[in-house]
PDB file of N, CA and C in Angstrom:
ATOM      1  N   UNK A   1      -7.104  11.180  -3.988  1.00  0.00           N
ATOM      2  CA  UNK A   1      -6.734  12.180  -4.943  1.00  0.00           C
ATOM      3  C   UNK A   1      -5.436  11.820  -5.646  1.00  0.00           C
ATOM      4  N   UNK A   2      -4.464  11.295  -4.874  1.00  0.00           N
ATOM      5  CA  UNK A   2      -3.181  10.904  -5.450  1.00  0.00           C
ATOM      6  C   UNK A   2      -3.382   9.746  -6.412  1.00  0.00           C
ATOM      7  N   UNK A   3      -4.307   8.869  -6.044  1.00  0.00           N
ATOM      8  CA  UNK A   3      -4.611   7.721  -6.897  1.00  0.00           C
ATOM      9  C   UNK A   3      -5.209   8.172  -8.210  1.00  0.00           C
ATOM     10  N   UNK A   4      -6.019   9.176  -8.189  1.00  0.00           N
ATOM     11  CA  UNK A   4      -6.661   9.724  -9.388  1.00  0.00           C
ATOM     12  C   UNK A   4      -5.615  10.351 -10.297  1.00  0.00           C
ATOM     13  N   UNK A   5      -4.617  11.043  -9.685  1.00  0.00           N
ATOM     14  CA  UNK A   5      -3.553  11.639 -10.494  1.00  0.00           C
ATOM     15  C   UNK A   5      -2.713  10.561 -11.166  1.00  0.00           C
ATOM     16  N   UNK A   6      -2.418   9.473 -10.413  1.00  0.00           N
ATOM     17  CA  UNK A   6      -1.646   8.378 -10.992  1.00  0.00           C
ATOM     18  C   UNK A   6      -2.409   7.712 -12.124  1.00  0.00           C
ATOM     19  N   UNK A   7      -3.665   7.573 -11.960  1.00  0.00           N
ATOM     20  CA  UNK A   7      -4.498   6.945 -12.993  1.00  0.00           C
ATOM     21  C   UNK A   7      -4.525   7.826 -14.243  1.00  0.00           C
ATOM     22  N   UNK A   8      -4.650   9.144 -14.040  1.00  0.00           N
ATOM     23  CA  UNK A   8      -4.652  10.065 -15.185  1.00  0.00           C
ATOM     24  C   UNK A   8      -3.289  10.065 -15.866  1.00  0.00           C
ATOM     25  N   UNK A   9      -2.216  10.061 -15.042  1.00  0.00           N
ATOM     26  CA  UNK A   9      -0.871  10.060 -15.604  1.00  0.00           C
ATOM     27  C   UNK A   9      -0.627   8.758 -16.379  1.00  0.00           C
ATOM     28  N   UNK A  10      -1.069   7.651 -15.843  1.00  0.00           N
ATOM     29  CA  UNK A  10      -0.929   6.349 -16.519  1.00  0.00           C
ATOM     30  C   UNK A  10      -1.710   6.352 -17.828  1.00  0.00           C
ATOM     31  N   UNK A  11      -2.901   6.920 -17.777  1.00  0.00           N
ATOM     32  CA  UNK A  11      -3.713   7.010 -19.002  1.00  0.00           C
ATOM     33  C   UNK A  11      -3.032   7.884 -20.049  1.00  0.00           C
ATOM     34  N   UNK A  12      -2.409   8.987 -19.614  1.00  0.00           N
ATOM     35  CA  UNK A  12      -1.685   9.866 -20.536  1.00  0.00           C
ATOM     36  C   UNK A  12      -0.514   9.113 -21.150  1.00  0.00           C
ATOM     37  N   UNK A  13       0.233   8.339 -20.333  1.00  0.00           N
ATOM     38  CA  UNK A  13       1.351   7.554 -20.864  1.00  0.00           C
ATOM     39  C   UNK A  13       0.889   6.514 -21.874  1.00  0.00           C
ATOM     40  N   UNK A  14      -0.180   5.840 -21.572  1.00  0.00           N
ATOM     41  CA  UNK A  14      -0.707   4.811 -22.475  1.00  0.00           C
ATOM     42  C   UNK A  14      -1.176   5.443 -23.780  1.00  0.00           C
ATOM     43  N   UNK A  15      -1.902   6.554 -23.682  1.00  0.00           N
ATOM     44  CA  UNK A  15      -2.368   7.238 -24.890  1.00  0.00           C
ATOM     45  C   UNK A  15      -1.187   7.795 -25.704  1.00  0.00           C
ATOM     46  N   UNK A  16      -0.170   8.310 -25.016  1.00  0.00           N
ATOM     47  CA  UNK A  16       1.023   8.809 -25.709  1.00  0.00           C
ATOM     48  C   UNK A  16       1.743   7.679 -26.426  1.00  0.00           C
ATOM     49  N   UNK A  17       1.903   6.555 -25.759  1.00  0.00           N
ATOM     50  CA  UNK A  17       2.562   5.396 -26.382  1.00  0.00           C
ATOM     51  C   UNK A  17       1.755   4.916 -27.581  1.00  0.00           C
ATOM     52  N   UNK A  18       0.438   4.890 -27.435  1.00  0.00           N
ATOM     53  CA  UNK A  18      -0.428   4.484 -28.544  1.00  0.00           C
ATOM     54  C   UNK A  18      -0.316   5.453 -29.714  1.00  0.00           C
ATOM     55  N   UNK A  19      -0.267   6.748 -29.418  1.00  0.00           N
ATOM     56  CA  UNK A  19      -0.133   7.767 -30.451  1.00  0.00           C
ATOM     57  C   UNK A  19       1.215   7.651 -31.182  1.00  0.00           C
ATOM     58  N   UNK A  20       2.292   7.417 -30.426  1.00  0.00           N
ATOM     59  CA  UNK A  20       3.626   7.252 -31.029  1.00  0.00           C
ATOM     60  C   UNK A  20       3.645   5.998 -31.905  1.00  0.00           C
ATOM     61  N   UNK A  21       3.070   4.922 -31.421  1.00  0.00           N
ATOM     62  CA  UNK A  21       3.024   3.674 -32.191  1.00  0.00           C
ATOM     63  C   UNK A  21       2.237   3.858 -33.478  1.00  0.00           C
ATOM     64  N   UNK A  22       1.099   4.512 -33.411  1.00  0.00           N
ATOM     65  CA  UNK A  22       0.305   4.757 -34.612  1.00  0.00           C
ATOM     66  C   UNK A  22       1.050   5.658 -35.589  1.00  0.00           C
ATOM     67  N   UNK A  23       1.761   6.653 -35.052  1.00  0.00           N
ATOM     68  CA  UNK A  23       2.536   7.542 -35.918  1.00  0.00           C
ATOM     69  C   UNK A  23       3.637   6.767 -36.643  1.00  0.00           C
ATOM     70  N   UNK A  24       4.325   5.893 -35.919  1.00  0.00           N
ATOM     71  CA  UNK A  24       5.376   5.086 -36.539  1.00  0.00           C
ATOM     72  C   UNK A  24       4.809   4.186 -37.637  1.00  0.00           C
ATOM     73  N   UNK A  25       3.686   3.560 -37.373  1.00  0.00           N
ATOM     74  CA  UNK A  25       3.061   2.708 -38.398  1.00  0.00           C
ATOM     75  C   UNK A  25       2.595   3.533 -39.597  1.00  0.00           C
ATOM     76  N   UNK A  26       2.135   4.754 -39.330  1.00  0.00           N
ATOM     77  CA  UNK A  26       1.683   5.614 -40.415  1.00  0.00           C
ATOM     78  C   UNK A  26       2.841   6.004 -41.326  1.00  0.00           C
ATOM     79  N   UNK A  27       4.001   6.243 -40.753  1.00  0.00           N
ATOM     80  CA  UNK A  27       5.149   6.663 -41.546  1.00  0.00           C
ATOM     81  C   UNK A  27       5.897   5.467 -42.126  1.00  0.00           C
ATOM     82  N   UNK A  28       6.205   4.479 -41.303  1.00  0.00           N
ATOM     83  CA  UNK A  28       7.082   3.389 -41.722  1.00  0.00           C
ATOM     84  C   UNK A  28       6.366   2.072 -42.001  1.00  0.00           C
ATOM     85  N   UNK A  29       5.073   2.020 -41.858  1.00  0.00           N
ATOM     86  CA  UNK A  29       4.348   0.774 -42.044  1.00  0.00           C
ATOM     87  C   UNK A  29       4.327   0.294 -43.491  1.00  0.00           C
ATOM     88  N   UNK A  30       3.717  -0.869 -43.684  1.00  0.00           N
ATOM     89  CA  UNK A  30       3.656  -1.493 -45.010  1.00  0.00           C
ATOM     90  C   UNK A  30       3.017  -0.582 -46.049  1.00  0.00           C
ATOM     91  N   UNK A  31       2.020   0.158 -45.665  1.00  0.00           N
ATOM     92  CA  UNK A  31       1.364   1.108 -46.570  1.00  0.00           C
ATOM     93  C   UNK A  31       1.464   2.523 -46.015  1.00  0.00           C
ATOM     94  N   UNK A  32       2.622   2.816 -45.432  1.00  0.00           N
ATOM     95  CA  UNK A  32       2.829   4.102 -44.790  1.00  0.00           C
ATOM     96  C   UNK A  32       3.227   5.183 -45.774  1.00  0.00           C
ATOM     97  N   UNK A  33       3.581   6.320 -45.200  1.00  0.00           N
ATOM     98  CA  UNK A  33       3.901   7.493 -46.002  1.00  0.00           C
ATOM     99  C   UNK A  33       5.135   7.257 -46.876  1.00  0.00           C
ATOM    100  N   UNK A  34       6.141   6.545 -46.368  1.00  0.00           N
ATOM    101  CA  UNK A  34       7.326   6.254 -47.172  1.00  0.00           C
ATOM    102  C   UNK A  34       6.983   5.381 -48.379  1.00  0.00           C
ATOM    103  N   UNK A  35       6.115   4.419 -48.174  1.00  0.00           N
ATOM    104  CA  UNK A  35       5.678   3.552 -49.275  1.00  0.00           C
ATOM    105  C   UNK A  35       4.925   4.374 -50.333  1.00  0.00           C
ATOM    106  N   UNK A  36       4.078   5.270 -49.878  1.00  0.00           N
ATOM    107  CA  UNK A  36       3.328   6.127 -50.807  1.00  0.00           C
ATOM    108  C   UNK A  36       4.287   7.031 -51.577  1.00  0.00           C
ATOM    109  N   UNK A  37       5.324   7.560 -50.903  1.00  0.00           N
ATOM    110  CA  UNK A  37       6.314   8.404 -51.569  1.00  0.00           C
ATOM    111  C   UNK A  37       7.072   7.617 -52.633  1.00  0.00           C
ATOM    112  N   UNK A  38       7.482   6.385 -52.305  1.00  0.00           N
ATOM    113  CA  UNK A  38       8.180   5.543 -53.285  1.00  0.00           C
ATOM    114  C   UNK A  38       7.285   5.249 -54.489  1.00  0.00           C
ATOM    115  N   UNK A  39       6.028   4.986 -54.231  1.00  0.00           N
ATOM    116  CA  UNK A  39       5.097   4.735 -55.338  1.00  0.00           C
ATOM    117  C   UNK A  39       4.947   5.970 -56.225  1.00  0.00           C
ATOM    118  N   UNK A  40       4.941   7.141 -55.613  1.00  0.00           N
ATOM    119  CA  UNK A  40       4.871   8.380 -56.395  1.00  0.00           C
ATOM    120  C   UNK A  40       6.096   8.547 -57.277  1.00  0.00           C
ATOM    121  N   UNK A  41       7.279   8.239 -56.729  1.00  0.00           N
ATOM    122  CA  UNK A  41       8.510   8.324 -57.524  1.00  0.00           C
ATOM    123  C   UNK A  41       8.477   7.327 -58.687  1.00  0.00           C
ATOM    124  N   UNK A  42       8.008   6.130 -58.423  1.00  0.00           N
ATOM    125  CA  UNK A  42       7.902   5.122 -59.482  1.00  0.00           C
ATOM    126  C   UNK A  42       6.902   5.558 -60.548  1.00  0.00           C
ATOM    127  N   UNK A  43       5.804   6.173 -60.124  1.00  0.00           N
ATOM    128  CA  UNK A  43       4.812   6.657 -61.080  1.00  0.00           C
ATOM    129  C   UNK A  43       5.414   7.727 -61.987  1.00  0.00           C
ATOM    130  N   UNK A  44       6.193   8.655 -61.418  1.00  0.00           N
ATOM    131  CA  UNK A  44       6.847   9.682 -62.241  1.00  0.00           C
ATOM    132  C   UNK A  44       7.782   9.044 -63.255  1.00  0.00           C
ATOM    133  N   UNK A  45       8.578   8.065 -62.802  1.00  0.00           N
ATOM    134  CA  UNK A  45       9.511   7.385 -63.690  1.00  0.00           C
ATOM    135  C   UNK A  45       8.770   6.667 -64.815  1.00  0.00           C
ATOM    136  N   UNK A  46       7.677   6.014 -64.487  1.00  0.00           N
ATOM    137  CA  UNK A  46       6.898   5.301 -65.503  1.00  0.00           C
ATOM    138  C   UNK A  46       6.222   6.265 -66.477  1.00  0.00           C
ATOM    139  N   UNK A  47       5.770   7.410 -65.985  1.00  0.00           N
ATOM    140  CA  UNK A  47       5.176   8.407 -66.878  1.00  0.00           C
ATOM    141  C   UNK A  47       6.207   8.952 -67.852  1.00  0.00           C
ATOM    142  N   UNK A  48       7.430   9.192 -67.367  1.00  0.00           N
ATOM    143  CA  UNK A  48       8.497   9.655 -68.262  1.00  0.00           C
ATOM    144  C   UNK A  48       8.826   8.600 -69.308  1.00  0.00           C
ATOM    145  N   UNK A  49       8.908   7.357 -68.891  1.00  0.00           N
ATOM    146  CA  UNK A  49       9.188   6.247 -69.831  1.00  0.00           C
ATOM    147  C   UNK A  49       8.055   6.128 -70.845  1.00  0.00           C
ATOM    148  N   UNK A  50       6.828   6.284 -70.387  1.00  0.00           N
ATOM    149  CA  UNK A  50       5.666   6.229 -71.269  1.00  0.00           C
ATOM    150  C   UNK A  50       5.739   7.336 -72.320  1.00  0.00           C
ATOM    151  N   UNK A  51       6.136   8.542 -71.899  1.00  0.00           N
ATOM    152  CA  UNK A  51       6.260   9.669 -72.821  1.00  0.00           C
ATOM    153  C   UNK A  51       7.306   9.374 -73.893  1.00  0.00           C
ATOM    154  N   UNK A  52       8.457   8.842 -73.474  1.00  0.00           N
ATOM    155  CA  UNK A  52       9.523   8.503 -74.424  1.00  0.00           C
ATOM    156  C   UNK A  52       9.032   7.452 -75.412  1.00  0.00           C
ATOM    157  N   UNK A  53       8.345   6.442 -74.920  1.00  0.00           N
ATOM    158  CA  UNK A  53       7.841   5.377 -75.801  1.00  0.00           C
ATOM    159  C   UNK A  53       6.774   5.903 -76.760  1.00  0.00           C
ATOM    160  N   UNK A  54       5.947   6.828 -76.306  1.00  0.00           N
ATOM    161  CA  UNK A  54       4.946   7.410 -77.205  1.00  0.00           C
ATOM    162  C   UNK A  54       5.617   8.191 -78.328  1.00  0.00           C
ATOM    163  N   UNK A  55       6.654   8.949 -78.005  1.00  0.00           N
ATOM    164  CA  UNK A  55       7.393   9.692 -79.039  1.00  0.00           C
ATOM    165  C   UNK A  55       8.042   8.713 -80.023  1.00  0.00           C
ATOM    166  N   UNK A  56       8.612   7.638 -79.498  1.00  0.00           N
ATOM    167  CA  UNK A  56       9.229   6.629 -80.359  1.00  0.00           C
ATOM    168  C   UNK A  56       8.181   5.989 -81.276  1.00  0.00           C
ATOM    169  N   UNK A  57       7.004   5.696 -80.740  1.00  0.00           N
ATOM    170  CA  UNK A  57       5.918   5.140 -81.561  1.00  0.00           C
ATOM    171  C   UNK A  57       5.498   6.107 -82.659  1.00  0.00           C
ATOM    172  N   UNK A  58       5.442   7.396 -82.306  1.00  0.00           N
ATOM    173  CA  UNK A  58       5.087   8.417 -83.297  1.00  0.00           C
ATOM    174  C   UNK A  58       6.089   8.416 -84.454  1.00  0.00           C
ATOM    175  N   UNK A  59       7.374   8.371 -84.113  1.00  0.00           N
ATOM    176  CA  UNK A  59       8.426   8.351 -85.133  1.00  0.00           C
ATOM    177  C   UNK A  59       8.305   7.098 -85.994  1.00  0.00           C
ATOM    178  N   UNK A  60       8.057   5.957 -85.367  1.00  0.00           N
ATOM    179  CA  UNK A  60       7.930   4.710 -86.125  1.00  0.00           C
ATOM    180  C   UNK A  60       6.691   4.711 -87.024  1.00  0.00           C
ATOM    181  N   UNK A  61       5.586   5.278 -86.533  1.00  0.00           N
ATOM    182  CA  UNK A  61       4.384   5.369 -87.372  1.00  0.00           C
ATOM    183  C   UNK A  61       4.639   6.240 -88.600  1.00  0.00           C
ATOM    184  N   UNK A  62       5.335   7.360 -88.378  1.00  0.00           N
ATOM    185  CA  UNK A  62       5.688   8.245 -89.492  1.00  0.00           C
ATOM    186  C   UNK A  62       6.574   7.515 -90.494  1.00  0.00           C
ATOM    187  N   UNK A  63       7.526   6.753 -89.993  1.00  0.00           N
ATOM    188  CA  UNK A  63       8.415   6.003 -90.889  1.00  0.00           C
ATOM    189  C   UNK A  63       7.633   4.952 -91.681  1.00  0.00           C
ATOM    190  N   UNK A  64       6.720   4.267 -91.034  1.00  0.00           N
ATOM    191  CA  UNK A  64       5.899   3.266 -91.722  1.00  0.00           C
ATOM    192  C   UNK A  64       5.075   3.931 -92.815  1.00  0.00           C
ATOM    193  N   UNK A  65       4.468   5.056 -92.484  1.00  0.00           N
ATOM    194  CA  UNK A  65       3.658   5.766 -93.469  1.00  0.00           C
ATOM    195  C   UNK A  65       4.511   6.161 -94.677  1.00  0.00           C
ATOM    196  N   UNK A  66       5.699   6.731 -94.402  1.00  0.00           N
ATOM    197  CA  UNK A  66       6.572   7.151 -95.499  1.00  0.00           C
ATOM    198  C   UNK A  66       7.066   5.966 -96.316  1.00  0.00           C
ATOM    199  N   UNK A  67       7.343   4.836 -95.664  1.00  0.00           N
ATOM    200  CA  UNK A  67       7.775   3.652 -96.410  1.00  0.00           C
ATOM    201  C   UNK A  67       6.669   3.141 -97.334  1.00  0.00           C
ATOM    202  N   UNK A  68       5.427   3.258 -96.889  1.00  0.00           N
ATOM    203  CA  UNK A  68       4.308   2.768 -97.701  1.00  0.00           C
ATOM    204  C   UNK A  68       3.913   3.731 -98.817  1.00  0.00           C
ATOM    205  N   UNK A  69       4.115   5.056 -98.612  1.00  0.00           N
ATOM    206  CA  UNK A  69       3.572   6.030 -99.555  1.00  0.00           C
ATOM    207  C   UNK A  69       4.610   6.888-100.280  1.00  0.00           C
ATOM    208  N   UNK A  70       5.838   6.964 -99.799  1.00  0.00           N
ATOM    209  CA  UNK A  70       6.845   7.858-100.376  1.00  0.00           C
ATOM    210  C   UNK A  70       7.948   7.029-101.033  1.00  0.00           C
ATOM    211  N   UNK A  71       7.930   6.970-102.367  1.00  0.00           N
ATOM    212  CA  UNK A  71       8.892   6.143-103.097  1.00  0.00           C
ATOM    213  C   UNK A  71      10.327   6.654-102.952  1.00  0.00           C
ATOM    214  N   UNK A  72      10.507   7.955-102.917  1.00  0.00           N
ATOM    215  CA  UNK A  72      11.861   8.508-102.760  1.00  0.00           C
ATOM    216  C   UNK A  72      12.457   8.124-101.413  1.00  0.00           C
ATOM    217  N   UNK A  73      11.633   8.178-100.372  1.00  0.00           N
ATOM    218  CA  UNK A  73      12.102   7.789 -99.043  1.00  0.00           C
ATOM    219  C   UNK A  73      12.459   6.309 -99.027  1.00  0.00           C
ATOM    220  N   UNK A  74      11.619   5.491 -99.634  1.00  0.00           N
ATOM    221  CA  UNK A  74      11.871   4.055 -99.697  1.00  0.00           C
ATOM    222  C   UNK A  74      13.176   3.778-100.436  1.00  0.00           C
ATOM    223  N   UNK A  75      13.417   4.477-101.534  1.00  0.00           N
ATOM    224  CA  UNK A  75      14.653   4.297-102.295  1.00  0.00           C
ATOM    225  C   UNK A  75      15.868   4.712-101.458  1.00  0.00           C
ATOM    226  N   UNK A  76      15.754   5.827-100.753  1.00  0.00           N
ATOM    227  CA  UNK A  76      16.870   6.298 -99.932  1.00  0.00           C
ATOM    228  C   UNK A  76      17.210   5.297 -98.828  1.00  0.00           C
ATOM    229  N   UNK A  77      16.184   4.760 -98.189  1.00  0.00           N
ATOM    230  CA  UNK A  77      16.402   3.775 -97.129  1.00  0.00           C
ATOM    231  C   UNK A  77      17.045   2.520 -97.705  1.00  0.00           C
ATOM    232  N   UNK A  78      16.558   2.071 -98.869  1.00  0.00           N
ATOM    233  CA  UNK A  78      17.128   0.877 -99.496  1.00  0.00           C
ATOM    234  C   UNK A  78      18.591   1.109 -99.845  1.00  0.00           C
ATOM    235  N   UNK A  79      18.912   2.286-100.340  1.00  0.00           N
ATOM    236  CA  UNK A  79      20.304   2.584-100.691  1.00  0.00           C
ATOM    237  C   UNK A  79      21.185   2.629 -99.442  1.00  0.00           C
ATOM    238  N   UNK A  80      20.701   3.245 -98.376  1.00  0.00           N
ATOM    239  CA  UNK A  80      21.505   3.387 -97.165  1.00  0.00           C
ATOM    240  C   UNK A  80      21.679   2.071 -96.426  1.00  0.00           C
ATOM    241  N   UNK A  81      20.589   1.348 -96.218  1.00  0.00           N
ATOM    242  CA  UNK A  81      20.652   0.157 -95.378  1.00  0.00           C
ATOM    243  C   UNK A  81      21.082  -1.091 -96.131  1.00  0.00           C
ATOM    244  N   UNK A  82      20.735  -1.198 -97.403  1.00  0.00           N
ATOM    245  CA  UNK A  82      21.050  -2.402 -98.163  1.00  0.00           C
ATOM    246  C   UNK A  82      22.192  -2.200 -99.152  1.00  0.00           C
ATOM    247  N   UNK A  83      22.717  -0.972 -99.199  1.00  0.00           N
ATOM    248  CA  UNK A  83      23.811  -0.645-100.123  1.00  0.00           C
ATOM    249  C   UNK A  83      23.460  -0.966-101.571  1.00  0.00           C
ATOM    250  N   UNK A  84      22.250  -0.635-101.980  1.00  0.00           N
ATOM    251  CA  UNK A  84      21.821  -0.871-103.354  1.00  0.00           C
ATOM    252  C   UNK A  84      22.273   0.280-104.242  1.00  0.00           C
ATOM    253  N   UNK A  85      22.549  -0.034-105.510  1.00  0.00           N
ATOM    254  CA  UNK A  85      22.970   0.988-106.475  1.00  0.00           C
ATOM    255  C   UNK A  85      22.179   0.795-107.756  1.00  0.00           C
ATOM    256  N   UNK A  86      22.087   1.863-108.512  1.00  0.00           N
ATOM    257  CA  UNK A  86      21.451   1.796-109.828  1.00  0.00           C
ATOM    258  C   UNK A  86      22.475   1.283-110.835  1.00  0.00           C
ATOM    259  N   UNK A  87      22.027   0.718-111.930  1.00  0.00           N
ATOM    260  CA  UNK A  87      22.977   0.282-112.953  1.00  0.00           C
ATOM    261  C   UNK A  87      23.788   1.474-113.459  1.00  0.00           C
ATOM    262  N   UNK A  88      25.093   1.296-113.553  1.00  0.00           N
ATOM    263  CA  UNK A  88      25.973   2.341-114.044  1.00  0.00           C
ATOM    264  C   UNK A  88      26.482   3.288-112.981  1.00  0.00           C
ATOM    265  N   UNK A  89      26.001   3.196-111.756  1.00  0.00           N
ATOM    266  CA  UNK A  89      26.479   4.070-110.689  1.00  0.00           C
ATOM    267  C   UNK A  89      27.799   3.543-110.129  1.00  0.00           C
ATOM    268  N   UNK A  90      28.626   4.452-109.695  1.00  0.00           N
ATOM    269  CA  UNK A  90      29.888   4.088-109.065  1.00  0.00           C
ATOM    270  C   UNK A  90      29.833   4.564-107.621  1.00  0.00           C
ATOM    271  N   UNK A  91      30.171   3.684-106.709  1.00  0.00           N
ATOM    272  CA  UNK A  91      30.145   3.991-105.282  1.00  0.00           C
ATOM    273  C   UNK A  91      31.575   4.259-104.819  1.00  0.00           C
ATOM    274  N   UNK A  92      31.779   5.376-104.170  1.00  0.00           N
ATOM    275  CA  UNK A  92      33.069   5.710-103.569  1.00  0.00           C
ATOM    276  C   UNK A  92      32.941   5.552-102.062  1.00  0.00           C
ATOM    277  N   UNK A  93      33.883   4.852-101.470  1.00  0.00           N
ATOM    278  CA  UNK A  93      33.885   4.662-100.017  1.00  0.00           C
ATOM    279  C   UNK A  93      35.114   5.348 -99.445  1.00  0.00           C
ATOM    280  N   UNK A  94      34.914   6.109 -98.398  1.00  0.00           N
ATOM    281  CA  UNK A  94      36.000   6.833 -97.756  1.00  0.00           C
ATOM    282  C   UNK A  94      36.257   6.218 -96.392  1.00  0.00           C
ATOM    283  N   UNK A  95      37.520   6.217 -95.986  1.00  0.00           N
ATOM    284  CA  UNK A  95      37.893   5.643 -94.699  1.00  0.00           C
ATOM    285  C   UNK A  95      37.338   6.498 -93.566  1.00  0.00           C
ATOM    286  N   UNK A  96      37.012   5.851 -92.470  1.00  0.00           N
ATOM    287  CA  UNK A  96      36.530   6.554 -91.282  1.00  0.00           C
ATOM    288  C   UNK A  96      37.664   7.338 -90.652  1.00  0.00           C
ATOM    289  N   UNK A  97      37.316   8.291 -89.825  1.00  0.00           N
ATOM    290  CA  UNK A  97      38.315   9.084 -89.118  1.00  0.00           C
ATOM    291  C   UNK A  97      39.123   8.191 -88.183  1.00  0.00           C
ATOM    292  N   UNK A  98      38.499   7.175 -87.637  1.00  0.00           N
ATOM    293  CA  UNK A  98      39.181   6.270 -86.718  1.00  0.00           C
ATOM    294  C   UNK A  98      40.273   5.484 -87.430  1.00  0.00           C
ATOM    295  N   UNK A  99      39.991   4.997 -88.636  1.00  0.00           N
ATOM    296  CA  UNK A  99      41.008   4.242 -89.364  1.00  0.00           C
ATOM    297  C   UNK A  99      42.138   5.160 -89.818  1.00  0.00           C
ATOM    298  N   UNK A 100      41.838   6.442 -90.061  1.00  0.00           N
ATOM    299  CA  UNK A 100      42.892   7.400 -90.407  1.00  0.00           C
ATOM    300  C   UNK A 100      43.833   7.594 -89.222  1.00  0.00           C
ATOM    301  N   UNK A 101      43.274   7.656 -88.026  1.00  0.00           N
ATOM    302  CA  UNK A 101      44.106   7.801 -86.837  1.00  0.00           C
ATOM    303  C   UNK A 101      45.009   6.594 -86.663  1.00  0.00           C
ATOM    304  N   UNK A 102      44.469   5.395 -86.932  1.00  0.00           N
ATOM    305  CA  UNK A 102      45.261   4.184 -86.789  1.00  0.00           C
ATOM    306  C   UNK A 102      46.414   4.167 -87.787  1.00  0.00           C
ATOM    307  N   UNK A 103      46.208   4.716 -88.979  1.00  0.00           N
ATOM    308  CA  UNK A 103      47.261   4.747 -89.987  1.00  0.00           C
ATOM    309  C   UNK A 103      48.396   5.668 -89.582  1.00  0.00           C
ATOM    310  N   UNK A 104      48.089   6.701 -88.829  1.00  0.00           N
ATOM    311  CA  UNK A 104      49.100   7.664 -88.435  1.00  0.00           C
ATOM    312  C   UNK A 104      49.942   7.198 -87.253  1.00  0.00           C
ATOM    313  N   UNK A 105      49.551   6.142 -86.578  1.00  0.00           N
ATOM    314  CA  UNK A 105      50.310   5.635 -85.443  1.00  0.00           C
ATOM    315  C   UNK A 105      51.556   4.918 -85.959  1.00  0.00           C
ATOM    316  N   UNK A 106      52.690   5.049 -85.264  1.00  0.00           N
ATOM    317  CA  UNK A 106      53.896   4.338 -85.699  1.00  0.00           C
ATOM    318  C   UNK A 106      53.753   2.845 -85.444  1.00  0.00           C
ATOM    319  N   UNK A 107      54.346   2.061 -86.311  1.00  0.00           N
ATOM    320  CA  UNK A 107      54.304   0.607 -86.181  1.00  0.00           C
ATOM    321  C   UNK A 107      55.400   0.201 -85.224  1.00  0.00           C
ATOM    322  N   UNK A 108      55.040  -0.540 -84.207  1.00  0.00           N
ATOM    323  CA  UNK A 108      56.038  -0.982 -83.245  1.00  0.00           C
ATOM    324  C   UNK A 108      56.694  -2.243 -83.766  1.00  0.00           C
ATOM    325  N   UNK A 109      57.991  -2.360 -83.600  1.00  0.00           N
ATOM    326  CA  UNK A 109      58.698  -3.560 -84.042  1.00  0.00           C
ATOM    327  C   UNK A 109      59.336  -3.393 -85.402  1.00  0.00           C
ATOM    328  N   UNK A 110      58.938  -2.445 -86.175  1.00  0.00           N
ATOM    329  CA  UNK A 110      59.534  -2.209 -87.483  1.00  0.00           C
ATOM    330  C   UNK A 110      58.995  -3.129 -88.552  1.00  0.00           C
ATOM    331  N   UNK A 111      59.201  -2.758 -89.820  1.00  0.00           N
ATOM    332  CA  UNK A 111      58.683  -3.502 -90.960  1.00  0.00           C
ATOM    333  C   UNK A 111      59.424  -4.804 -91.159  1.00  0.00           C
ATOM    334  N   UNK A 112      60.742  -4.788 -90.990  1.00  0.00           N
ATOM    335  CA  UNK A 112      61.522  -5.988 -91.268  1.00  0.00           C
ATOM    336  C   UNK A 112      61.231  -7.090 -90.262  1.00  0.00           C
ATOM    337  N   UNK A 113      60.810  -6.746 -89.066  1.00  0.00           N
ATOM    338  CA  UNK A 113      60.523  -7.754 -88.068  1.00  0.00           C
ATOM    339  C   UNK A 113      59.128  -8.328 -88.227  1.00  0.00           C
ATOM    340  N   UNK A 114      58.209  -7.582 -88.813  1.00  0.00           N
ATOM    341  CA  UNK A 114      56.836  -8.037 -88.893  1.00  0.00           C
ATOM    342  C   UNK A 114      56.560  -8.885 -90.122  1.00  0.00           C
ATOM    343  N   UNK A 115      57.356  -8.747 -91.210  1.00  0.00           N
ATOM    344  CA  UNK A 115      57.121  -9.494 -92.439  1.00  0.00           C
ATOM    345  C   UNK A 115      58.222 -10.526 -92.656  1.00  0.00           C
ATOM    346  N   UNK A 116      57.870 -11.692 -93.187  1.00  0.00           N
ATOM    347  CA  UNK A 116      58.909 -12.655 -93.545  1.00  0.00           C
ATOM    348  C   UNK A 116      59.771 -12.081 -94.676  1.00  0.00           C
ATOM    349  N   UNK A 117      60.946 -12.594 -94.856  1.00  0.00           N
ATOM    350  CA  UNK A 117      61.904 -12.041 -95.813  1.00  0.00           C
ATOM    351  C   UNK A 117      61.385 -12.095 -97.244  1.00  0.00           C
ATOM    352  N   UNK A 118      60.617 -13.085 -97.625  1.00  0.00           N
ATOM    353  CA  UNK A 118      60.134 -13.179 -99.003  1.00  0.00           C
ATOM    354  C   UNK A 118      59.024 -12.186 -99.309  1.00  0.00           C
ATOM    355  N   UNK A 119      58.396 -11.593 -98.259  1.00  0.00           N
ATOM    356  CA  UNK A 119      57.336 -10.606 -98.487  1.00  0.00           C
ATOM    357  C   UNK A 119      57.839  -9.172 -98.385  1.00  0.00           C
ATOM    358  N   UNK A 120      59.088  -8.956 -97.948  1.00  0.00           N
ATOM    359  CA  UNK A 120      59.611  -7.608 -97.816  1.00  0.00           C
ATOM    360  C   UNK A 120      59.924  -7.036 -99.178  1.00  0.00           C
ATOM    361  N   UNK A 121      59.612  -5.756 -99.346  1.00  0.00           N
ATOM    362  CA  UNK A 121      59.931  -5.073-100.605  1.00  0.00           C
ATOM    363  C   UNK A 121      61.369  -4.572-100.533  1.00  0.00           C
ATOM    364  N   UNK A 122      62.099  -4.673-101.635  1.00  0.00           N
ATOM    365  CA  UNK A 122      63.461  -4.152-101.599  1.00  0.00           C
ATOM    366  C   UNK A 122      63.427  -2.618-101.516  1.00  0.00           C
ATOM    367  N   UNK A 123      64.354  -2.052-100.745  1.00  0.00           N
ATOM    368  CA  UNK A 123      64.430  -0.596-100.607  1.00  0.00           C
ATOM    369  C   UNK A 123      65.231  -0.014-101.734  1.00  0.00           C
ATOM    370  N   UNK A 124      64.860   1.151-102.208  1.00  0.00           N
ATOM    371  CA  UNK A 124      65.573   1.821-103.297  1.00  0.00           C
ATOM    372  C   UNK A 124      66.304   3.015-102.812  1.00  0.00           C
TER     373      UNK A 124
END
């Protein structure tokens, strides 16, 4: 009877160890639950990227259509990107806000130190 209990207990230990081992492989194995979770996260990321690219394609298709069929749009793009002007037009260019900030900064070293003597303007 004692031998039968030991055999049953040994069988329970072996089955428990086998169950724990299978559980570990199921969770942490090469194709386990963690791997499936990572693949799901990658799929979500790729779907989001796909959505962004589809929207970008839509915008580009619209731009292509307008470039081929809308003369006013084509003219506006040519003026903006190529700086084209019509005969007789005058273009005014204004300084950027950044260059205005740079102009307001004090010059270090002073004017007389930065220019050679022949380039300095006489003071009045």
